[in-house]
Amino acid sequence: MAVDATSAAASSSGSTPSTKSDAGRTSLTSNFNTFLTMLTTQLKHQDPLSPMDSTQFTSQLVQYAGVEQQINTNSNLEKLLTFQQNTQTAQSVSYLGESVEMAGDQLPVQSHSGTFSYTLPVAANSCDIQIKDSAGTVVYKTTGDMTVGRHDLAWNGVDSSGKTLDDGIYTVSVIAKDKDGKSITPTMTTFGQVTKVTNDATNGTVLEMGAGSKGAKVSVPVGKVLGVNADNTLVNAQLTAAQAQYQASAAVYKAIQEMNKPKTDTPATP
């Protein structure tokens, strides 16, 4: 069985492995060297009249080879995941400055403007819309459309007293009730202009919608973006491709996690 020279050198130099595969390869190299030392010692001191059963250590050698192969597979998967994330990030740079739609009630108010939508599954008998600041204080409220379906609204950042508020992240609440007074849960989406693109190890490519001068922002993985408005045209092809890459990267990352889970050997039945 081949032992990776690079990993062995890293182990001897005491450097920290950069990936889980590197760490696993370093550990395997150390354990394998220990195993060979013990095996050599056993062979040297075995009873010539009762030699060791070669089946046992042959099986152990095969197991080491299998672990090494799995580590190599994990390393290739990690490289593939990194490549996909970098490619996705490079493609997502084109989203900078564009308006994206995302699920949720976090409203980025940028340049004194915030856009959101709510969708009623059934017609409502009453519908009140509230906008709260970061402290949870209601700064604006109005009556919303009560018909079934989607409703798009824009807020100019002016509170109920007529004061223009600072840009930042606000929260939108839609309180709707039917004719019997029962609450109706609407589906909420908000819009924000992309100000930054980052690459997160867990979520992949993330789009940030910064608002205001205090570092307020809304972040969303590119695969969870519902729509992208570029020059008032929804870029469906580009968004679909980005979402497909996000799902592929997530699947690869999940596969790596599953492979890295420690396996518990089941004791043999006597």
Protein backbone atom coordinates (compact mmCIF):
# COMPACT_ATOMS: atom_id res chain seq x y z
CA MET A 1 0.00 0.00 0.00
CA ALA A 2 1.29 3.44 -0.94
CA VAL A 3 1.66 6.06 1.77
CA ASP A 4 1.33 9.66 0.64
CA ALA A 5 4.75 11.29 1.03
CA THR A 6 3.34 14.78 1.31
CA SER A 7 1.12 13.79 4.23
CA ALA A 8 3.97 11.95 5.91
CA ALA A 9 6.14 15.05 5.63
CA ALA A 10 3.37 17.21 7.02
CA SER A 11 3.02 14.84 9.96
CA SER A 12 6.71 14.91 10.73
CA SER A 13 6.93 18.67 10.46
CA GLY A 14 3.99 19.15 12.83
CA SER A 15 2.05 21.34 10.38
CA THR A 16 -1.72 21.54 10.76
CA PRO A 17 -3.72 19.67 8.04
CA SER A 18 -5.71 22.07 5.88
CA THR A 19 -8.67 19.77 5.20
CA LYS A 20 -10.43 16.83 6.82
CA SER A 21 -8.92 14.55 4.18
CA ASP A 22 -5.41 15.78 5.04
CA ALA A 23 -6.08 15.15 8.72
CA GLY A 24 -7.40 11.67 7.98
CA ARG A 25 -4.42 10.85 5.75
CA THR A 26 -1.95 12.03 8.41
CA SER A 27 -3.68 9.92 11.05
CA LEU A 28 -3.78 6.89 8.75
CA THR A 29 -0.06 7.21 7.99
CA SER A 30 0.80 7.31 11.70
CA ASN A 31 -1.44 4.35 12.51
CA PHE A 32 -0.13 2.33 9.57
CA ASN A 33 3.48 2.89 10.58
CA THR A 34 2.61 1.78 14.12
CA PHE A 35 0.86 -1.29 12.71
CA LEU A 36 3.91 -2.25 10.61
CA THR A 37 6.19 -1.85 13.63
CA MET A 38 3.96 -4.10 15.74
CA LEU A 39 3.59 -6.64 12.92
CA THR A 40 7.36 -6.80 12.36
CA THR A 41 7.92 -7.30 16.08
CA GLN A 42 5.33 -10.08 16.21
CA LEU A 43 6.83 -11.86 13.22
CA LYS A 44 10.31 -11.56 14.71
CA HIS A 45 9.26 -13.18 18.00
CA GLN A 46 6.73 -15.71 16.76
CA ASP A 47 7.00 -19.36 17.70
CA PRO A 48 8.46 -21.26 14.72
CA LEU A 49 6.39 -24.30 15.70
CA SER A 50 3.19 -22.25 15.85
CA PRO A 51 3.51 -19.41 13.31
CA MET A 52 1.06 -16.52 13.18
CA ASP A 53 -2.06 -16.84 11.07
CA SER A 54 -1.38 -14.67 8.02
CA THR A 55 -5.12 -14.24 7.36
CA GLN A 56 -5.52 -11.75 10.21
CA PHE A 57 -2.82 -9.25 9.28
CA THR A 58 -3.63 -9.65 5.56
CA SER A 59 -7.20 -8.62 6.37
CA GLN A 60 -5.88 -5.63 8.32
CA LEU A 61 -3.72 -4.58 5.37
CA VAL A 62 -6.77 -4.75 3.12
CA GLN A 63 -8.72 -2.59 5.59
CA TYR A 64 -5.94 0.03 5.61
CA ALA A 65 -5.99 0.06 1.81
CA GLY A 66 -9.76 0.57 1.84
CA VAL A 67 -9.49 3.48 4.28
CA GLU A 68 -6.79 5.10 2.16
CA GLN A 69 -9.00 4.81 -0.92
CA GLN A 70 -11.91 6.41 0.93
CA ILE A 71 -9.67 9.27 2.08
CA ASN A 72 -8.56 9.84 -1.50
CA THR A 73 -12.20 9.89 -2.60
CA ASN A 74 -13.04 12.43 0.10
CA SER A 75 -10.10 14.59 -1.00
CA ASN A 76 -11.34 14.59 -4.59
CA LEU A 77 -14.85 15.46 -3.45
CA GLU A 78 -13.51 18.37 -1.38
CA LYS A 79 -11.61 19.66 -4.40
CA LEU A 80 -14.75 19.35 -6.54
CA LEU A 81 -16.81 21.19 -3.95
CA THR A 82 -14.26 24.01 -3.76
CA PHE A 83 -14.19 24.28 -7.55
CA GLN A 84 -18.00 24.44 -7.74
CA GLN A 85 -18.15 27.09 -5.02
CA ASN A 86 -15.51 29.22 -6.72
CA THR A 87 -17.26 28.91 -10.08
CA GLN A 88 -20.59 29.80 -8.51
CA THR A 89 -19.08 32.81 -6.77
CA ALA A 90 -17.51 34.04 -10.00
CA GLN A 91 -20.84 33.76 -11.82
CA SER A 92 -22.70 35.45 -8.98
CA VAL A 93 -20.55 38.58 -9.25
CA SER A 94 -22.91 39.59 -12.07
CA TYR A 95 -25.65 39.98 -9.41
CA LEU A 96 -23.86 42.97 -7.88
CA GLY A 97 -26.11 46.01 -8.15
CA GLU A 98 -29.13 43.93 -9.16
CA SER A 99 -32.35 43.59 -7.20
CA VAL A 100 -33.08 40.09 -5.89
CA GLU A 101 -36.22 38.64 -4.34
CA MET A 102 -35.98 36.43 -1.26
CA ALA A 103 -38.39 34.72 1.10
CA GLY A 104 -38.87 36.28 4.53
CA ASP A 105 -39.89 39.47 6.29
CA GLN A 106 -36.47 41.19 6.58
CA LEU A 107 -36.75 44.35 4.46
CA PRO A 108 -33.56 46.15 3.37
CA VAL A 109 -34.34 49.84 2.96
CA GLN A 110 -31.76 51.22 0.54
CA SER A 111 -31.71 54.82 -0.68
CA HIS A 112 -34.96 55.38 1.27
CA SER A 113 -36.78 52.64 -0.62
CA GLY A 114 -37.93 49.17 0.32
CA THR A 115 -40.01 46.73 -1.74
CA PHE A 116 -41.85 43.65 -0.52
CA SER A 117 -44.76 41.39 -1.36
CA TYR A 118 -47.29 39.25 0.46
CA THR A 119 -49.51 36.50 -0.90
CA LEU A 120 -52.85 35.62 0.68
CA PRO A 121 -53.96 31.99 0.22
CA VAL A 122 -57.60 33.05 0.69
CA ALA A 123 -59.47 36.36 0.69
CA ALA A 124 -59.22 38.26 3.97
CA ASN A 125 -61.79 40.30 5.86
CA SER A 126 -59.07 42.57 7.28
CA CYS A 127 -55.42 43.12 6.44
CA ASP A 128 -53.02 45.38 8.33
CA ILE A 129 -49.40 45.96 7.36
CA GLN A 130 -46.82 47.03 9.90
CA ILE A 131 -43.16 47.97 9.42
CA LYS A 132 -40.87 47.81 12.44
CA ASP A 133 -37.35 49.13 12.95
CA SER A 134 -34.44 47.13 14.38
CA ALA A 135 -35.66 47.85 17.93
CA GLY A 136 -39.07 46.32 17.18
CA THR A 137 -40.91 49.66 17.21
CA VAL A 138 -43.72 50.06 14.68
CA VAL A 139 -42.70 53.02 12.49
CA TYR A 140 -45.26 52.67 9.74
CA LYS A 141 -48.59 50.95 9.25
CA THR A 142 -51.23 50.85 6.58
CA THR A 143 -54.14 48.76 5.29
CA GLY A 144 -53.32 46.11 2.71
CA ASP A 145 -55.23 44.56 -0.17
CA MET A 146 -57.52 41.80 1.10
CA THR A 147 -58.05 39.87 -2.13
CA VAL A 148 -56.57 36.41 -2.63
CA GLY A 149 -53.20 36.28 -4.38
CA ARG A 150 -49.97 38.23 -4.49
CA HIS A 151 -49.64 41.92 -3.70
CA ASP A 152 -46.47 43.99 -4.30
CA LEU A 153 -45.79 47.12 -2.27
CA ALA A 154 -43.07 49.74 -1.99
CA TRP A 155 -42.23 51.83 1.06
CA ASN A 156 -40.40 55.14 0.75
CA GLY A 157 -38.84 55.02 4.21
CA VAL A 158 -41.18 57.68 5.64
CA ASP A 159 -42.78 56.84 8.99
CA SER A 160 -46.39 57.46 10.00
CA SER A 161 -45.55 60.97 11.24
CA GLY A 162 -43.99 61.98 7.90
CA LYS A 163 -40.35 61.70 8.99
CA THR A 164 -37.83 60.15 6.60
CA LEU A 165 -36.02 57.33 8.39
CA ASP A 166 -32.46 56.13 7.91
CA ASP A 167 -31.68 53.22 5.64
CA GLY A 168 -31.35 49.89 7.40
CA ILE A 169 -33.02 46.53 7.92
CA TYR A 170 -36.70 46.69 8.86
CA THR A 171 -39.26 43.97 9.51
CA VAL A 172 -42.58 43.69 7.68
CA SER A 173 -45.62 42.14 9.34
CA VAL A 174 -48.90 41.37 7.57
CA ILE A 175 -51.79 40.70 9.97
CA ALA A 176 -54.69 39.22 8.05
CA LYS A 177 -57.93 37.64 9.28
CA ASP A 178 -60.85 35.94 7.58
CA LYS A 179 -64.55 36.70 8.10
CA ASP A 180 -64.61 34.47 11.19
CA GLY A 181 -61.73 36.34 12.78
CA LYS A 182 -59.24 33.54 12.24
CA SER A 183 -55.68 34.47 11.33
CA ILE A 184 -54.46 33.99 7.78
CA THR A 185 -50.77 33.29 7.25
CA PRO A 186 -49.46 35.03 4.13
CA THR A 187 -46.30 34.19 2.21
CA MET A 188 -43.78 37.02 2.50
CA THR A 189 -40.96 38.06 0.17
CA THR A 190 -38.70 41.09 0.17
CA PHE A 191 -36.38 42.69 -2.37
CA GLY A 192 -32.90 44.09 -1.98
CA GLN A 193 -30.05 45.34 -4.13
CA VAL A 194 -26.99 43.09 -3.95
CA THR A 195 -24.00 44.96 -2.52
CA LYS A 196 -21.60 42.08 -1.87
CA VAL A 197 -20.97 38.44 -2.86
CA THR A 198 -19.25 36.08 -0.43
CA ASN A 199 -18.33 32.40 -0.39
CA ASP A 200 -19.44 30.59 2.75
CA ALA A 201 -18.03 27.14 3.55
CA THR A 202 -21.45 25.84 4.61
CA ASN A 203 -23.93 27.74 2.43
CA GLY A 204 -21.79 28.24 -0.67
CA THR A 205 -22.18 31.54 -2.49
CA VAL A 206 -24.06 34.13 -0.42
CA LEU A 207 -25.52 37.41 -1.66
CA GLU A 208 -25.55 40.33 0.76
CA MET A 209 -27.96 43.27 0.68
CA GLY A 210 -26.33 46.01 2.72
CA ALA A 211 -28.49 48.87 4.02
CA GLY A 212 -27.40 52.02 5.82
CA SER A 213 -24.08 53.04 7.31
CA LYS A 214 -24.21 50.81 10.41
CA GLY A 215 -23.38 47.53 8.68
CA ALA A 216 -26.98 46.29 8.56
CA LYS A 217 -27.48 43.61 5.91
CA VAL A 218 -29.61 40.70 4.78
CA SER A 219 -27.75 37.61 3.56
CA VAL A 220 -29.21 34.83 1.42
CA PRO A 221 -27.56 31.81 -0.29
CA VAL A 222 -27.78 32.24 -4.05
CA GLY A 223 -29.65 28.93 -4.33
CA LYS A 224 -32.48 30.33 -2.21
CA VAL A 225 -32.98 33.51 -4.23
CA LEU A 226 -36.46 33.54 -5.74
CA GLY A 227 -35.80 36.01 -8.53
CA VAL A 228 -33.29 38.46 -9.95
CA ASN A 229 -34.38 41.70 -11.59
CA ALA A 230 -31.79 42.96 -14.08
CA ASP A 231 -32.94 46.02 -16.03
CA ASN A 232 -36.49 45.09 -15.00
CA THR A 233 -36.14 41.64 -16.62
CA LEU A 234 -36.11 38.42 -14.60
CA VAL A 235 -32.93 36.51 -15.47
CA ASN A 236 -34.45 33.05 -15.21
CA ALA A 237 -31.70 31.16 -17.05
CA GLN A 238 -28.90 32.60 -14.92
CA LEU A 239 -30.80 32.08 -11.70
CA THR A 240 -31.71 28.49 -12.60
CA ALA A 241 -28.07 27.70 -13.32
CA ALA A 242 -26.96 29.23 -10.02
CA GLN A 243 -29.61 27.30 -8.10
CA ALA A 244 -28.58 24.04 -9.80
CA GLN A 245 -24.95 24.65 -8.85
CA TYR A 246 -25.98 25.44 -5.28
CA GLN A 247 -27.94 22.17 -5.02
CA ALA A 248 -25.03 20.21 -6.53
CA SER A 249 -22.55 21.78 -4.11
CA ALA A 250 -24.87 21.07 -1.18
CA ALA A 251 -25.20 17.42 -2.28
CA VAL A 252 -21.41 17.03 -2.55
CA TYR A 253 -20.90 18.67 0.84
CA LYS A 254 -23.48 16.31 2.39
CA ALA A 255 -21.74 13.33 0.80
CA ILE A 256 -18.42 14.42 2.30
CA GLN A 257 -20.01 14.76 5.73
CA GLU A 258 -21.53 11.27 5.46
CA MET A 259 -18.19 9.76 4.40
CA ASN A 260 -16.37 11.44 7.27
CA LYS A 261 -18.75 10.06 9.88
CA PRO A 262 -17.00 7.46 12.06
CA LYS A 263 -18.15 3.95 11.27
CA THR A 264 -18.94 1.64 14.19
CA ASP A 265 -18.01 -1.97 13.59
CA THR A 266 -20.70 -4.48 14.56
CA PRO A 267 -19.29 -7.18 16.85
CA ALA A 268 -19.28 -10.60 15.25
CA THR A 269 -21.80 -13.09 16.61
CA PRO A 270 -20.03 -15.91 18.50
